[in-house]
């Protein structure tokens, strides 16, 4: 799971430079994800909280880090990457 937060000043909704860079790079999100063997399971945004959440299936944390850098998210967000499991899978082990 990727938890990303940014300031209002760096938000693509309000910062023209961030918006331009993100638009250019994010148009290649699928291609970049495939390159790093990442499957995006879900991605949601809470605009008023400047919060972006991604759930991904990836071969490693390094692959996720490279993806986030290449797609542009690493340039304006504080990022936390956590290994998580589907609740259903955990419940099966009980």
Protein backbone atom coordinates (compact mmCIF):
# COMPACT_ATOMS: atom_id res chain seq x y z
CA UNK A 1 0.00 0.00 0.00
CA UNK A 2 1.31 3.43 -0.87
CA UNK A 3 0.25 6.40 1.25
CA UNK A 4 1.15 9.76 -0.33
CA UNK A 5 0.51 13.24 1.03
CA UNK A 6 1.54 16.64 -0.26
CA UNK A 7 1.17 20.26 0.73
CA UNK A 8 -1.46 22.57 -0.70
CA UNK A 9 1.37 24.57 -2.27
CA UNK A 10 2.65 21.57 -4.22
CA UNK A 11 -0.81 20.19 -5.07
CA UNK A 12 -1.41 19.69 -8.81
CA UNK A 13 -4.80 21.35 -8.35
CA UNK A 14 -3.11 24.63 -7.36
CA UNK A 15 0.49 24.41 -8.59
CA UNK A 16 0.84 24.81 -12.35
CA UNK A 17 4.35 23.34 -12.51
CA UNK A 18 3.36 20.22 -10.56
CA UNK A 19 0.22 19.88 -12.70
CA UNK A 20 2.23 20.09 -15.93
CA UNK A 21 4.82 17.55 -14.78
CA UNK A 22 2.21 15.15 -13.42
CA UNK A 23 0.12 15.30 -16.60
CA UNK A 24 3.17 14.52 -18.75
CA UNK A 25 4.35 11.62 -16.62
CA UNK A 26 1.00 10.19 -15.56
CA UNK A 27 -0.04 9.67 -19.18
CA UNK A 28 2.54 6.86 -19.15
CA UNK A 29 1.38 5.27 -15.85
CA UNK A 30 0.29 1.94 -17.36
CA UNK A 31 3.44 1.62 -19.45
CA UNK A 32 5.66 2.45 -16.47
CA UNK A 33 3.76 0.04 -14.20
CA UNK A 34 4.27 -2.78 -16.70
CA UNK A 35 7.95 -1.93 -16.98
CA UNK A 36 8.34 -2.40 -13.19
CA UNK A 37 6.00 -5.44 -13.09
CA UNK A 38 3.47 -3.56 -10.96
CA UNK A 39 -0.26 -4.13 -11.03
CA UNK A 40 -2.31 -1.21 -9.71
CA UNK A 41 -5.18 -2.80 -7.75
CA UNK A 42 -6.81 0.50 -6.78
CA UNK A 43 -5.91 4.16 -6.60
CA UNK A 44 -7.96 6.80 -4.80
CA UNK A 45 -7.52 10.47 -4.01
CA UNK A 46 -8.90 12.68 -1.25
CA UNK A 47 -8.33 16.11 -2.85
CA UNK A 48 -9.17 18.24 0.19
CA UNK A 49 -6.75 16.25 2.37
CA UNK A 50 -4.05 16.17 -0.36
CA UNK A 51 -3.95 12.39 0.07
CA UNK A 52 -3.35 9.70 -2.56
CA UNK A 53 -3.67 5.99 -1.74
CA UNK A 54 -2.50 3.21 -4.05
CA UNK A 55 -2.82 -0.51 -3.48
CA UNK A 56 -0.43 -2.37 -5.74
CA UNK A 57 0.81 -5.87 -6.39
CA UNK A 58 4.56 -5.57 -6.91
CA UNK A 59 7.64 -7.80 -6.91
CA UNK A 60 9.46 -5.59 -4.38
CA UNK A 61 9.47 -2.29 -2.55
CA UNK A 62 12.29 -1.12 -4.81
CA UNK A 63 10.05 -1.67 -7.85
CA UNK A 64 7.37 0.48 -6.22
CA UNK A 65 9.94 3.19 -5.41
CA UNK A 66 11.20 3.22 -9.00
CA UNK A 67 7.62 3.39 -10.32
CA UNK A 68 6.71 6.32 -8.05
CA UNK A 69 9.83 8.20 -9.09
CA UNK A 70 9.35 7.59 -12.78
CA UNK A 71 5.63 8.43 -12.78
CA UNK A 72 6.30 11.70 -10.91
CA UNK A 73 4.63 11.11 -7.54
CA UNK A 74 7.94 11.11 -5.65
CA UNK A 75 8.62 14.71 -6.64
CA UNK A 76 5.81 16.34 -4.67
CA UNK A 77 4.60 13.81 -2.09
CA UNK A 78 5.73 12.46 1.24
CA UNK A 79 5.47 8.72 0.68
CA UNK A 80 5.05 5.72 2.96
CA UNK A 81 5.11 2.23 1.49
CA UNK A 82 3.70 -0.62 3.58
CA UNK A 83 3.42 -4.32 2.87
CA UNK A 84 -0.20 -5.35 3.34
CA UNK A 85 -2.29 -8.47 2.75
CA UNK A 86 -5.90 -8.96 1.73
CA UNK A 87 -8.09 -9.41 4.79
CA UNK A 88 -9.66 -12.53 3.25
CA UNK A 89 -6.23 -14.17 2.98
CA UNK A 90 -5.38 -13.42 6.60
CA UNK A 91 -8.74 -14.73 7.81
CA UNK A 92 -8.10 -18.03 6.02
CA UNK A 93 -5.03 -18.60 8.19
CA UNK A 94 -6.99 -18.31 11.47
